[in-house]
Amino acid sequence: MIFLSVGSELPFSRMVKAADLWHQANSEYQLIAQIGNLESSDYQPVSCEAQSLVDPDEYQRLSNEATILIAHAGMGSIINALTLGKPIVIMPRRGHLKETRNDHQYATAKKFADKKGVFVAWDETEFAGVMSEALAFSRMPDLNSGSRFAQKELLDNIRNFIDY
């Protein structure tokens, strides 16, 4: 099962449509999606199982059971995937498309693009190819290298920032 989440605040039609179209061509996979509260102008998925929002317990259950996570480039989603040792496909919301207030998710995606198990689709045209990479990665044997704890470098940087 593959679990897609757009976060809890805003819909993300561009990513949901890319995932839904990918699923139409790859229906052997189960795709469950949390798509947010949609407006009439938002993309309505036709192929995947979609819910507006799932409660936190269900979100964690779906995350635990998923083979791959798909999400906007939100820190909570990325940290959740890394903690669980799950590959994650992220697509950043873009400020100039009015998907968010600025390009902070683009910056987040750039920061994590080289991290093992994090796959970035910079836009919807890359989504299917990035999914193929993530699926191949998910079949590799040592996926559970994630940790409940941050790496020392990250902790040191946060400590230095707080002390500053």
Foldseek 3Di string as FASTA:
>chain_A
DEEEEADADAFDQFVLVLVLVLCVVVVVDAYEYQGADDDPPGDDRDRHHYDPDDDPVVVLVCLLPHLEYEYALDPVVVLSCLASLHQYEYEHDACVVVRDVHRPSVVSCVVCCPPPRYFYDPGSVCVNVSVVVRVVSSPDDPSRPGHPDDDPVVVVVVVVVVVD
